Amino acid sequence: MEALSDFGNFILTPLYYVISAIMIGFHEFFSLFLDPAGGLAWALSIVGLTVVIRIALIPLFVRQIKSSRNMQLIQPKVVELRKKYGHDRQRMAEETMKLYKDAGTNPFASCLPLLLQMPIFFALFRLLDQAADGTPHGFMTSARAEAFGTSDIFGFVPISDTFWQSRTWGPTPDLSVMLVALVLVLAMTATTFITQRQLMSKNMPADALKGQYAQQQKLLLYVLPVAFGLGGVAFPIGVLLYWTTSNLWTMGQQFYVIRNNPAPGTPAMDAKLERDKAKAVRKGEVVETEPEVVPASEARPATRQQPKRQTRQQRQQGSPRPSTGGGSGSQKRPAGQRPAGQRPGGGPKPANKKGKK
């Protein structure tokens, strides 16, 4: 257990210095026009810390978007592999990993921003929780740590208190902290749900909404908000502020990417094409419309006209058949020429009788 604690300190110690340096810098800036001992200056410093961290994670977010898009596009191939190698789980896993490698994607790449934020989250949690007792971390002195841990937002909401500590049925009830913490927990839960829902409803092709990948996305849609909501009652106000701000950043960043660079074959792409056409019309540009594709069932071949049946007398008189397209059978007979087998008198030529001389 002691070895595990030492390993945790080994990871968190560098983060203490990074987090404390950023927060102290923002606190010095906000102290120019706010009360340095007030909780609002420290709360805004936490917001500034969140913005700096999210800017640093933008390259990973871009990689996450690309990986998620590739995962969506290869889902039909994954379904084919499952049908082909469903009976052989080892071969199925090998072919799937080969497909991921060829497509340049990784099913765990979409979790990178969240996983990298977890150590920062725990470092801020411990820094804030222990600062209330005057325990410094990083570049914070004991006096600054105590000022940070005991500061009150708006003068009545301690930044280090939690919903559970301030519950009205507990030893230290505080209704104002409960209400502020509840609002932040609900905001954190709602932004997590909206962000995941936005991805599934607007930027996923119809083929990607089926299969195992879609089931995983639907599971995350409901599991993550519930997990954050249940765990949020034990988070300090400052940590809730960090996580809610981070979720708002993620939701806005994802909205911008989906609107301006949607995945092919998604509702977001259709909406973007419509906006581009409307913009071109407003500028007076010529909009090229795609030719209408006639379904195969409607493109039927023309019916061949059958020749009309003639009577025996018509055939003997050499009456021409109706024309079926200008063929050789519709040639016109020169004027004055008798039909074959007709006498000059107009009647048919009598047949020769056998035995008559």
Protein backbone atom coordinates (compact mmCIF):
# COMPACT_ATOMS: atom_id res chain seq x y z
CA MET A 1 0.00 0.00 0.00
CA GLU A 2 2.88 2.32 0.80
CA ALA A 3 4.48 1.55 -2.57
CA LEU A 4 1.23 2.47 -4.31
CA SER A 5 1.10 5.76 -2.42
CA ASP A 6 4.70 6.54 -3.39
CA PHE A 7 3.91 5.81 -7.03
CA GLY A 8 0.90 8.15 -6.87
CA ASN A 9 3.03 10.92 -5.38
CA PHE A 10 5.65 10.35 -8.07
CA ILE A 11 3.02 11.00 -10.77
CA LEU A 12 1.16 13.84 -9.03
CA THR A 13 4.18 15.85 -7.79
CA PRO A 14 5.06 17.30 -11.24
CA LEU A 15 1.38 18.10 -11.77
CA TYR A 16 1.28 19.98 -8.44
CA TYR A 17 3.96 22.34 -9.73
CA VAL A 18 2.27 22.84 -13.11
CA ILE A 19 -1.21 23.39 -11.65
CA SER A 20 -0.03 25.67 -8.85
CA ALA A 21 2.08 27.79 -11.24
CA ILE A 22 -0.85 28.36 -13.61
CA MET A 23 -3.30 29.10 -10.80
CA ILE A 24 -0.94 31.51 -9.04
CA GLY A 25 -0.39 33.39 -12.30
CA PHE A 26 -4.14 33.78 -12.92
CA HIS A 27 -4.74 34.68 -9.28
CA GLU A 28 -2.19 37.48 -9.47
CA PHE A 29 -3.92 38.79 -12.58
CA PHE A 30 -7.46 38.67 -11.15
CA SER A 31 -6.24 40.20 -7.88
CA LEU A 32 -5.63 43.44 -9.78
CA PHE A 33 -9.39 44.16 -9.77
CA LEU A 34 -10.80 41.54 -7.35
CA ASP A 35 -10.29 40.82 -3.65
CA PRO A 36 -7.15 38.61 -3.41
CA ALA A 37 -8.58 36.81 -0.38
CA GLY A 38 -11.98 36.31 -2.01
CA GLY A 39 -13.10 33.05 -3.48
CA LEU A 40 -14.12 34.60 -6.81
CA ALA A 41 -10.49 35.32 -7.77
CA TRP A 42 -9.56 31.69 -6.98
CA ALA A 43 -12.64 30.37 -8.82
CA LEU A 44 -11.70 32.34 -11.94
CA SER A 45 -8.15 31.01 -11.56
CA ILE A 46 -9.57 27.47 -11.76
CA VAL A 47 -11.45 28.45 -14.93
CA GLY A 48 -8.22 29.85 -16.37
CA LEU A 49 -6.42 26.62 -15.48
CA THR A 50 -9.10 24.65 -17.33
CA VAL A 51 -8.77 26.79 -20.45
CA VAL A 52 -4.96 26.41 -20.51
CA ILE A 53 -5.19 22.62 -20.12
CA ARG A 54 -7.84 22.29 -22.83
CA ILE A 55 -5.78 24.39 -25.25
CA ALA A 56 -2.82 22.10 -24.61
CA LEU A 57 -5.05 19.08 -25.35
CA ILE A 58 -6.28 20.39 -28.73
CA PRO A 59 -3.85 18.19 -30.75
CA LEU A 60 -5.14 15.13 -28.88
CA PHE A 61 -8.72 16.27 -29.48
CA VAL A 62 -8.04 16.50 -33.23
CA ARG A 63 -6.57 13.01 -33.13
CA GLN A 64 -9.62 11.83 -31.21
CA ILE A 65 -11.97 13.27 -33.85
CA LYS A 66 -10.04 11.62 -36.69
CA SER A 67 -9.93 8.28 -34.90
CA SER A 68 -13.62 8.41 -34.07
CA ARG A 69 -14.45 9.28 -37.69
CA ASN A 70 -12.37 6.40 -39.03
CA MET A 71 -14.03 4.05 -36.57
CA GLN A 72 -17.41 5.12 -37.92
CA LEU A 73 -16.42 4.66 -41.56
CA ILE A 74 -15.02 1.13 -41.11
CA GLN A 75 -18.00 -0.21 -39.20
CA PRO A 76 -19.52 -1.89 -42.30
CA LYS A 77 -16.22 -3.77 -42.77
CA VAL A 78 -16.23 -4.77 -39.11
CA VAL A 79 -19.74 -6.18 -39.54
CA GLU A 80 -18.56 -8.19 -42.56
CA LEU A 81 -15.63 -9.58 -40.55
CA ARG A 82 -17.99 -10.56 -37.76
CA LYS A 83 -20.19 -12.46 -40.21
CA LYS A 84 -17.17 -14.14 -41.81
CA TYR A 85 -15.16 -15.06 -38.72
CA GLY A 86 -17.84 -15.07 -36.04
CA HIS A 87 -17.14 -18.72 -35.28
CA ASP A 88 -13.39 -18.12 -34.80
CA ARG A 89 -12.84 -15.49 -32.10
CA GLN A 90 -9.05 -15.47 -32.40
CA ARG A 91 -9.12 -14.97 -36.17
CA MET A 92 -11.82 -12.36 -35.73
CA ALA A 93 -9.63 -10.39 -33.28
CA GLU A 94 -6.59 -10.62 -35.58
CA GLU A 95 -8.49 -9.44 -38.65
CA THR A 96 -10.13 -6.62 -36.70
CA MET A 97 -6.81 -5.32 -35.37
CA LYS A 98 -5.39 -5.54 -38.90
CA LEU A 99 -8.33 -3.48 -40.16
CA TYR A 100 -7.74 -0.87 -37.44
CA LYS A 101 -4.07 -0.69 -38.37
CA ASP A 102 -4.79 -0.27 -42.10
CA ALA A 103 -7.36 2.45 -41.36
CA GLY A 104 -4.94 4.25 -39.02
CA THR A 105 -7.35 4.24 -36.10
CA ASN A 106 -7.49 2.95 -32.54
CA PRO A 107 -10.67 2.23 -30.56
CA PHE A 108 -9.01 3.70 -27.43
CA ALA A 109 -7.88 6.95 -29.06
CA SER A 110 -11.26 8.57 -28.36
CA CYS A 111 -10.59 8.19 -24.62
CA LEU A 112 -7.18 9.89 -24.63
CA PRO A 113 -8.31 13.43 -23.65
CA LEU A 114 -10.41 12.03 -20.80
CA LEU A 115 -7.66 9.70 -19.57
CA LEU A 116 -5.02 12.45 -19.63
CA GLN A 117 -7.28 14.77 -17.65
CA MET A 118 -7.82 12.27 -14.86
CA PRO A 119 -4.36 12.81 -13.22
CA ILE A 120 -4.91 16.58 -13.44
CA PHE A 121 -8.32 16.10 -11.89
CA PHE A 122 -6.94 14.12 -8.95
CA ALA A 123 -4.02 16.53 -8.49
CA LEU A 124 -6.41 19.49 -8.28
CA PHE A 125 -8.66 17.51 -5.93
CA ARG A 126 -5.80 16.78 -3.50
CA LEU A 127 -4.34 20.27 -3.81
CA LEU A 128 -7.68 21.86 -2.95
CA ASP A 129 -8.63 19.32 -0.30
CA GLN A 130 -5.33 19.60 1.59
CA ALA A 131 -5.04 23.37 1.08
CA ALA A 132 -7.92 23.81 3.51
CA ASP A 133 -5.65 22.35 6.23
CA GLY A 134 -2.75 24.60 5.18
CA THR A 135 -0.80 21.81 3.43
CA PRO A 136 1.07 23.35 0.46
CA HIS A 137 1.86 21.63 -2.83
CA GLY A 138 3.98 22.76 -5.72
CA PHE A 139 4.78 26.46 -5.75
CA MET A 140 2.15 27.31 -3.15
CA THR A 141 3.35 28.47 0.26
CA SER A 142 1.53 27.53 3.44
CA ALA A 143 -0.09 30.98 3.67
CA ARG A 144 -1.25 30.96 0.04
CA ALA A 145 -2.51 27.38 0.32
CA GLU A 146 -4.54 28.23 3.41
CA ALA A 147 -5.96 31.33 1.71
CA PHE A 148 -6.93 29.19 -1.27
CA GLY A 149 -8.50 26.38 0.78
CA THR A 150 -10.53 28.69 3.07
CA SER A 151 -11.75 31.18 0.43
CA ASP A 152 -15.48 31.68 -0.10
CA ILE A 153 -17.14 32.30 -3.46
CA PHE A 154 -19.49 35.32 -3.18
CA GLY A 155 -18.60 35.38 0.49
CA PHE A 156 -20.76 32.42 1.57
CA VAL A 157 -19.80 29.34 -0.55
CA PRO A 158 -16.54 27.71 0.62
CA ILE A 159 -14.56 26.60 -2.43
CA SER A 160 -13.31 23.43 -0.71
CA ASP A 161 -16.70 22.17 0.60
CA THR A 162 -18.65 19.34 -0.99
CA PHE A 163 -22.32 18.52 -1.35
CA TRP A 164 -22.02 15.54 0.99
CA GLN A 165 -20.17 17.48 3.69
CA SER A 166 -22.77 20.25 3.63
CA ARG A 167 -25.88 18.07 3.53
CA THR A 168 -28.66 19.35 5.73
CA TRP A 169 -28.90 16.03 7.58
CA GLY A 170 -25.16 15.97 8.35
CA PRO A 171 -23.09 17.39 11.22
CA THR A 172 -22.21 20.63 9.34
CA PRO A 173 -25.28 21.55 7.25
CA ASP A 174 -25.00 24.35 4.71
CA LEU A 175 -27.90 24.76 2.29
CA SER A 176 -26.11 27.35 0.11
CA VAL A 177 -23.21 24.96 -0.58
CA MET A 178 -25.67 22.15 -1.35
CA LEU A 179 -27.55 24.28 -3.88
CA VAL A 180 -24.39 25.51 -5.64
CA ALA A 181 -22.92 21.99 -5.69
CA LEU A 182 -26.20 20.56 -7.02
CA VAL A 183 -26.29 23.10 -9.85
CA LEU A 184 -22.70 22.28 -10.81
CA VAL A 185 -23.32 18.52 -10.63
CA LEU A 186 -26.41 18.83 -12.85
CA ALA A 187 -24.50 21.06 -15.28
CA MET A 188 -21.62 18.59 -15.37
CA THR A 189 -24.00 15.68 -16.01
CA ALA A 190 -26.04 17.52 -18.65
CA THR A 191 -23.00 18.72 -20.61
CA THR A 192 -21.57 15.19 -20.64
CA PHE A 193 -24.84 13.79 -21.99
CA ILE A 194 -25.33 16.56 -24.60
CA THR A 195 -21.77 16.19 -25.87
CA GLN A 196 -22.14 12.45 -26.44
CA ARG A 197 -25.65 12.82 -27.86
CA GLN A 198 -24.47 15.52 -30.28
CA LEU A 199 -21.81 13.17 -31.63
CA MET A 200 -24.22 10.27 -32.17
CA SER A 201 -27.16 12.19 -33.66
CA LYS A 202 -25.28 14.51 -36.04
CA ASN A 203 -21.86 13.11 -36.89
CA MET A 204 -22.35 9.36 -37.25
CA PRO A 205 -23.40 7.66 -40.52
CA ALA A 206 -26.40 5.37 -40.56
CA ASP A 207 -24.16 2.29 -40.88
CA ALA A 208 -22.23 3.29 -37.75
CA LEU A 209 -25.41 3.38 -35.68
CA LYS A 210 -25.58 -0.41 -35.87
CA GLY A 211 -23.34 -3.05 -34.42
CA GLN A 212 -21.04 -3.31 -31.42
CA TYR A 213 -19.47 0.15 -31.79
CA ALA A 214 -22.90 1.80 -31.73
CA GLN A 215 -23.82 -0.19 -28.62
CA GLN A 216 -20.66 1.04 -26.90
CA GLN A 217 -21.47 4.64 -27.78
CA LYS A 218 -25.02 4.28 -26.48
CA LEU A 219 -23.67 2.76 -23.28
CA LEU A 220 -21.33 5.71 -22.76
CA LEU A 221 -24.22 8.06 -23.48
CA TYR A 222 -25.96 7.00 -20.27
CA VAL A 223 -23.21 5.52 -18.10
CA LEU A 224 -20.83 8.51 -18.04
CA PRO A 225 -23.41 11.11 -16.92
CA VAL A 226 -24.66 8.79 -14.17
CA ALA A 227 -21.11 8.08 -12.99
CA PHE A 228 -20.20 11.77 -12.90
CA GLY A 229 -23.48 12.63 -11.21
CA LEU A 230 -23.03 10.06 -8.42
CA GLY A 231 -19.38 10.93 -7.88
CA GLY A 232 -20.01 14.66 -8.04
CA VAL A 233 -21.60 14.79 -4.60
CA ALA A 234 -18.15 14.07 -3.09
CA PHE A 235 -16.22 16.62 -5.19
CA PRO A 236 -15.28 20.04 -3.78
CA ILE A 237 -16.88 23.10 -5.36
CA GLY A 238 -13.57 24.02 -7.00
CA VAL A 239 -13.21 20.60 -8.65
CA LEU A 240 -16.83 20.70 -9.85
CA LEU A 241 -16.10 24.10 -11.35
CA TYR A 242 -13.10 22.69 -13.20
CA TRP A 243 -14.98 19.68 -14.58
CA THR A 244 -18.06 21.69 -15.64
CA THR A 245 -15.88 24.25 -17.42
CA SER A 246 -14.00 21.44 -19.17
CA ASN A 247 -17.28 19.86 -20.33
CA LEU A 248 -18.53 23.20 -21.68
CA TRP A 249 -15.27 23.58 -23.60
CA THR A 250 -15.60 20.06 -25.02
CA MET A 251 -19.20 20.64 -26.08
CA GLY A 252 -18.40 23.93 -27.83
CA GLN A 253 -15.28 22.53 -29.48
CA GLN A 254 -17.14 19.49 -30.74
CA PHE A 255 -20.00 21.66 -32.05
CA TYR A 256 -17.51 23.73 -34.06
CA VAL A 257 -15.80 20.65 -35.54
CA ILE A 258 -19.08 18.91 -36.43
CA ARG A 259 -20.46 22.07 -38.04
CA ASN A 260 -17.39 22.92 -40.12
CA ASN A 261 -15.78 19.52 -40.76
CA PRO A 262 -18.45 16.83 -40.53
CA ALA A 263 -17.99 13.19 -41.40
CA PRO A 264 -19.19 12.07 -44.87
CA GLY A 265 -22.65 10.59 -45.12
CA THR A 266 -23.93 12.13 -41.86
CA PRO A 267 -26.78 14.56 -41.10
CA ALA A 268 -24.15 17.17 -40.23
CA MET A 269 -22.66 16.86 -43.74
CA ASP A 270 -26.11 17.26 -45.34
CA ALA A 271 -26.71 20.37 -43.25
CA LYS A 272 -23.32 21.81 -44.24
CA LEU A 273 -24.04 21.24 -47.97
CA GLU A 274 -27.37 23.04 -47.59
CA ARG A 275 -25.67 25.98 -45.87
CA ASP A 276 -23.04 26.13 -48.60
CA LYS A 277 -25.73 26.19 -51.31
CA ALA A 278 -27.68 28.93 -49.51
CA LYS A 279 -24.49 30.94 -49.10
CA ALA A 280 -23.68 30.58 -52.78
CA VAL A 281 -27.19 31.72 -53.74
CA ARG A 282 -26.87 34.83 -51.55
CA LYS A 283 -23.59 35.68 -53.28
CA GLY A 284 -25.17 35.21 -56.72
CA GLU A 285 -23.02 32.24 -57.62
CA VAL A 286 -24.25 29.44 -59.88
CA VAL A 287 -25.16 26.38 -57.86
CA GLU A 288 -24.52 23.11 -59.65
CA THR A 289 -27.33 20.67 -59.04
CA GLU A 290 -26.69 16.97 -59.24
CA PRO A 291 -28.64 15.14 -62.00
CA GLU A 292 -31.57 13.16 -60.79
CA VAL A 293 -30.80 9.48 -60.72
CA VAL A 294 -33.58 7.34 -62.17
CA PRO A 295 -34.08 4.13 -60.21
CA ALA A 296 -33.36 0.91 -62.03
CA SER A 297 -36.95 -0.22 -61.60
CA GLU A 298 -38.20 2.82 -63.54
CA ALA A 299 -35.68 2.64 -66.39
CA ARG A 300 -37.51 -0.03 -68.43
CA PRO A 301 -36.61 -0.83 -72.08
CA ALA A 302 -39.01 0.21 -74.83
CA THR A 303 -41.57 -2.45 -75.80
CA ARG A 304 -40.86 -4.02 -79.22
CA GLN A 305 -43.71 -3.48 -81.66
CA GLN A 306 -45.00 -6.76 -83.02
CA PRO A 307 -45.97 -6.96 -86.76
CA LYS A 308 -49.65 -7.25 -87.54
CA ARG A 309 -50.95 -10.51 -88.87
CA GLN A 310 -52.11 -10.50 -92.53
CA THR A 311 -54.83 -12.50 -94.24
CA ARG A 312 -54.09 -14.94 -97.06
CA GLN A 313 -55.56 -12.60 -99.67
CA GLN A 314 -53.33 -9.75 -98.42
CA ARG A 315 -50.28 -11.94 -98.64
CA GLN A 316 -51.22 -13.06 -102.22
CA GLN A 317 -51.73 -9.46 -103.28
CA GLY A 318 -48.31 -8.58 -101.87
CA SER A 319 -49.63 -5.96 -99.46
CA PRO A 320 -46.66 -4.61 -97.41
CA ARG A 321 -46.56 -5.11 -93.68
CA PRO A 322 -46.71 -2.13 -91.35
CA SER A 323 -43.33 -0.55 -90.82
CA THR A 324 -41.62 -1.33 -87.49
CA GLY A 325 -38.82 1.13 -87.68
CA GLY A 326 -37.84 1.63 -91.31
CA GLY A 327 -36.40 -1.84 -92.01
CA SER A 328 -35.82 -3.46 -95.38
CA GLY A 329 -39.31 -5.03 -95.39
CA SER A 330 -40.99 -1.65 -95.90
CA GLN A 331 -39.50 -0.80 -99.32
CA LYS A 332 -41.91 0.98 -101.71
CA ARG A 333 -42.82 -0.83 -105.02
CA PRO A 334 -42.18 1.17 -108.20
CA ALA A 335 -45.23 2.54 -110.01
CA GLY A 336 -46.69 0.24 -112.69
CA GLN A 337 -45.05 -2.89 -111.36
CA ARG A 338 -47.45 -5.78 -110.74
CA PRO A 339 -47.19 -7.85 -107.60
CA ALA A 340 -45.63 -11.21 -108.02
CA GLY A 341 -48.09 -13.87 -109.27
CA GLN A 342 -50.64 -11.44 -110.73
CA ARG A 343 -51.82 -11.49 -114.40
CA PRO A 344 -52.15 -8.37 -116.50
CA GLY A 345 -55.94 -8.57 -116.18
CA GLY A 346 -55.73 -8.07 -112.51
CA GLY A 347 -56.64 -11.56 -111.34
CA PRO A 348 -54.31 -14.09 -109.82
CA LYS A 349 -52.38 -16.43 -112.10
CA PRO A 350 -53.99 -19.90 -112.16
CA ALA A 351 -52.02 -22.71 -110.80
CA ASN A 352 -50.74 -25.38 -113.25
CA LYS A 353 -52.70 -28.60 -113.15
CA LYS A 354 -50.77 -31.80 -113.14
CA GLY A 355 -51.37 -34.04 -116.16
CA LYS A 356 -52.70 -31.30 -118.42
CA LYS A 357 -50.75 -30.56 -121.54
